[in-house]
Amino acid sequence: MAPTRAGARYRNGFGEIIDSGDDYLYPMLKRSEIATGRGDNPERLMLVTQKTIRDDLSAIRSVAPKT
């Protein structure tokens, strides 16, 4: 899942508005955006639910239930 910003919400790859919250969304830059200095305000985001492989996913339910 790589949503894009749509105002205060996000749009998925199907063009649908989603409301997942910000807790697990991080900016995603393409290498070309970094190389050309256009990485200041990324539109694309990525959903990252774990920081390590062993992270417990059950916390998502309470922290970000819409995710």
N, C-alpha and C. Protein backbone atom coordinates (compact mmCIF):
# COMPACT_ATOMS: atom_id res chain seq x y z
N MET A 1 0.85 -1.17 0.00
CA MET A 1 0.00 0.00 0.00
C MET A 1 0.89 1.24 0.00
N ALA A 2 0.68 2.10 -0.95
CA ALA A 2 1.44 3.35 -1.05
C ALA A 2 0.48 4.49 -1.34
N PRO A 3 -0.21 4.98 -0.32
CA PRO A 3 -1.18 6.05 -0.55
C PRO A 3 -0.51 7.38 -0.86
N THR A 4 -1.30 8.29 -1.42
CA THR A 4 -0.85 9.65 -1.67
C THR A 4 -1.71 10.60 -0.84
N ARG A 5 -1.20 11.78 -0.60
CA ARG A 5 -1.96 12.76 0.19
C ARG A 5 -3.13 13.30 -0.62
N ALA A 6 -4.26 13.46 0.06
CA ALA A 6 -5.45 14.07 -0.53
C ALA A 6 -6.03 15.01 0.52
N GLY A 7 -5.42 16.17 0.66
CA GLY A 7 -5.81 17.10 1.72
C GLY A 7 -5.38 16.55 3.06
N ALA A 8 -6.32 16.43 4.00
CA ALA A 8 -6.02 15.89 5.32
C ALA A 8 -6.15 14.37 5.36
N ARG A 9 -6.57 13.77 4.26
CA ARG A 9 -6.73 12.32 4.18
C ARG A 9 -5.77 11.76 3.15
N TYR A 10 -6.02 10.53 2.75
CA TYR A 10 -5.12 9.86 1.81
C TYR A 10 -5.94 9.15 0.74
N ARG A 11 -5.31 8.94 -0.42
CA ARG A 11 -5.96 8.26 -1.54
C ARG A 11 -5.16 7.00 -1.86
N ASN A 12 -5.85 5.87 -2.01
CA ASN A 12 -5.16 4.62 -2.32
C ASN A 12 -4.94 4.49 -3.82
N GLY A 13 -4.35 3.40 -4.25
CA GLY A 13 -4.04 3.17 -5.65
C GLY A 13 -5.27 3.04 -6.54
N PHE A 14 -6.43 2.78 -5.95
CA PHE A 14 -7.68 2.68 -6.70
C PHE A 14 -8.37 4.03 -6.82
N GLY A 15 -7.77 5.09 -6.22
CA GLY A 15 -8.37 6.41 -6.26
C GLY A 15 -9.37 6.66 -5.15
N GLU A 16 -9.52 5.70 -4.25
CA GLU A 16 -10.48 5.83 -3.15
C GLU A 16 -9.85 6.60 -1.99
N ILE A 17 -10.64 7.45 -1.34
CA ILE A 17 -10.18 8.16 -0.15
C ILE A 17 -10.17 7.17 1.01
N ILE A 18 -9.07 7.12 1.74
CA ILE A 18 -8.96 6.25 2.90
C ILE A 18 -8.65 7.09 4.13
N ASP A 19 -9.04 6.61 5.27
CA ASP A 19 -8.79 7.31 6.53
C ASP A 19 -8.10 6.34 7.47
N SER A 20 -6.79 6.21 7.31
CA SER A 20 -6.06 5.21 8.09
C SER A 20 -5.34 5.79 9.29
N GLY A 21 -5.28 7.10 9.40
CA GLY A 21 -4.50 7.70 10.48
C GLY A 21 -3.04 7.82 10.08
N ASP A 22 -2.27 8.54 10.87
CA ASP A 22 -0.88 8.82 10.52
C ASP A 22 0.15 7.96 11.25
N ASP A 23 -0.29 7.13 12.18
CA ASP A 23 0.64 6.44 13.07
C ASP A 23 1.62 5.51 12.37
N TYR A 24 1.24 4.93 11.25
CA TYR A 24 2.11 3.96 10.58
C TYR A 24 2.46 4.38 9.15
N LEU A 25 2.21 5.63 8.80
CA LEU A 25 2.52 6.12 7.46
C LEU A 25 3.81 6.94 7.48
N TYR A 26 4.70 6.64 6.55
CA TYR A 26 6.00 7.31 6.47
C TYR A 26 6.22 7.80 5.04
N PRO A 27 6.95 8.90 4.86
CA PRO A 27 7.22 9.39 3.50
C PRO A 27 8.02 8.40 2.68
N MET A 28 7.70 8.34 1.41
CA MET A 28 8.42 7.45 0.49
C MET A 28 8.92 8.29 -0.68
N LEU A 29 10.21 8.32 -0.86
CA LEU A 29 10.82 9.09 -1.94
C LEU A 29 11.45 8.16 -2.97
N LYS A 30 11.33 8.55 -4.22
CA LYS A 30 12.04 7.85 -5.27
C LYS A 30 13.46 8.40 -5.32
N ARG A 31 14.37 7.60 -5.80
CA ARG A 31 15.77 8.02 -5.89
C ARG A 31 15.90 9.28 -6.74
N SER A 32 15.12 9.38 -7.81
CA SER A 32 15.20 10.55 -8.68
C SER A 32 14.75 11.82 -7.96
N GLU A 33 13.80 11.72 -7.03
CA GLU A 33 13.35 12.88 -6.27
C GLU A 33 14.46 13.37 -5.33
N ILE A 34 15.18 12.45 -4.76
CA ILE A 34 16.29 12.81 -3.87
C ILE A 34 17.41 13.44 -4.68
N ALA A 35 17.74 12.85 -5.82
CA ALA A 35 18.85 13.32 -6.65
C ALA A 35 18.60 14.72 -7.20
N THR A 36 17.34 15.04 -7.48
CA THR A 36 17.02 16.36 -8.05
C THR A 36 16.61 17.36 -7.00
N GLY A 37 16.62 16.96 -5.73
CA GLY A 37 16.28 17.89 -4.65
C GLY A 37 14.80 18.17 -4.51
N ARG A 38 13.94 17.27 -5.01
CA ARG A 38 12.50 17.47 -4.92
C ARG A 38 11.88 16.69 -3.77
N GLY A 39 12.66 16.31 -2.79
CA GLY A 39 12.16 15.47 -1.71
C GLY A 39 11.65 16.23 -0.50
N ASP A 40 11.42 17.52 -0.63
CA ASP A 40 10.99 18.33 0.52
C ASP A 40 9.58 18.02 0.99
N ASN A 41 8.68 17.75 0.08
CA ASN A 41 7.28 17.52 0.44
C ASN A 41 6.75 16.29 -0.32
N PRO A 42 7.11 15.09 0.14
CA PRO A 42 6.72 13.88 -0.61
C PRO A 42 5.21 13.67 -0.61
N GLU A 43 4.69 13.30 -1.76
CA GLU A 43 3.26 13.00 -1.89
C GLU A 43 2.98 11.54 -1.54
N ARG A 44 3.88 10.66 -1.93
CA ARG A 44 3.67 9.23 -1.69
C ARG A 44 4.08 8.86 -0.27
N LEU A 45 3.36 7.92 0.27
CA LEU A 45 3.64 7.43 1.62
C LEU A 45 3.69 5.91 1.58
N MET A 46 4.25 5.32 2.60
CA MET A 46 4.22 3.86 2.69
C MET A 46 3.73 3.47 4.08
N LEU A 47 3.00 2.39 4.11
CA LEU A 47 2.48 1.84 5.35
C LEU A 47 3.52 0.90 5.93
N VAL A 48 4.03 1.23 7.12
CA VAL A 48 5.04 0.40 7.80
C VAL A 48 4.47 0.01 9.15
N THR A 49 4.16 -1.26 9.31
CA THR A 49 3.51 -1.72 10.54
C THR A 49 4.48 -2.32 11.55
N GLN A 50 5.71 -2.57 11.14
CA GLN A 50 6.70 -3.17 12.04
C GLN A 50 8.03 -2.45 11.90
N LYS A 51 8.72 -2.27 13.01
CA LYS A 51 10.08 -1.74 12.96
C LYS A 51 11.09 -2.88 12.93
N THR A 52 10.71 -4.01 13.52
CA THR A 52 11.51 -5.22 13.43
C THR A 52 10.58 -6.38 13.10
N ILE A 53 11.14 -7.48 12.66
CA ILE A 53 10.34 -8.64 12.27
C ILE A 53 9.55 -9.20 13.44
N ARG A 54 10.08 -9.08 14.63
CA ARG A 54 9.43 -9.66 15.81
C ARG A 54 8.40 -8.74 16.47
N ASP A 55 8.16 -7.55 15.94
CA ASP A 55 7.18 -6.64 16.54
C ASP A 55 5.80 -7.28 16.58
N ASP A 56 5.11 -7.04 17.68
CA ASP A 56 3.76 -7.56 17.86
C ASP A 56 2.77 -6.68 17.10
N LEU A 57 2.02 -7.26 16.18
CA LEU A 57 1.07 -6.50 15.37
C LEU A 57 -0.24 -6.22 16.09
N SER A 58 -0.49 -6.84 17.20
CA SER A 58 -1.76 -6.64 17.91
C SER A 58 -1.92 -5.21 18.41
N ALA A 59 -0.82 -4.47 18.60
CA ALA A 59 -0.90 -3.11 19.07
C ALA A 59 -1.57 -2.18 18.05
N ILE A 60 -1.52 -2.55 16.79
CA ILE A 60 -2.15 -1.73 15.74
C ILE A 60 -3.63 -1.53 16.02
N ARG A 61 -4.28 -2.56 16.52
CA ARG A 61 -5.71 -2.50 16.80
C ARG A 61 -6.06 -1.38 17.77
N SER A 62 -5.24 -1.15 18.76
CA SER A 62 -5.54 -0.12 19.75
C SER A 62 -4.95 1.24 19.38
N VAL A 63 -3.78 1.26 18.76
CA VAL A 63 -3.12 2.52 18.42
C VAL A 63 -3.75 3.16 17.18
N ALA A 64 -3.99 2.38 16.15
CA ALA A 64 -4.51 2.89 14.88
C ALA A 64 -5.55 1.92 14.32
N PRO A 65 -6.74 1.90 14.91
CA PRO A 65 -7.75 0.90 14.51
C PRO A 65 -8.18 0.98 13.05
N LYS A 66 -8.11 2.14 12.42
CA LYS A 66 -8.52 2.27 11.02
C LYS A 66 -7.48 1.72 10.06
N THR A 67 -6.27 1.49 10.56
CA THR A 67 -5.21 0.93 9.72
C THR A 67 -5.52 -0.53 9.45
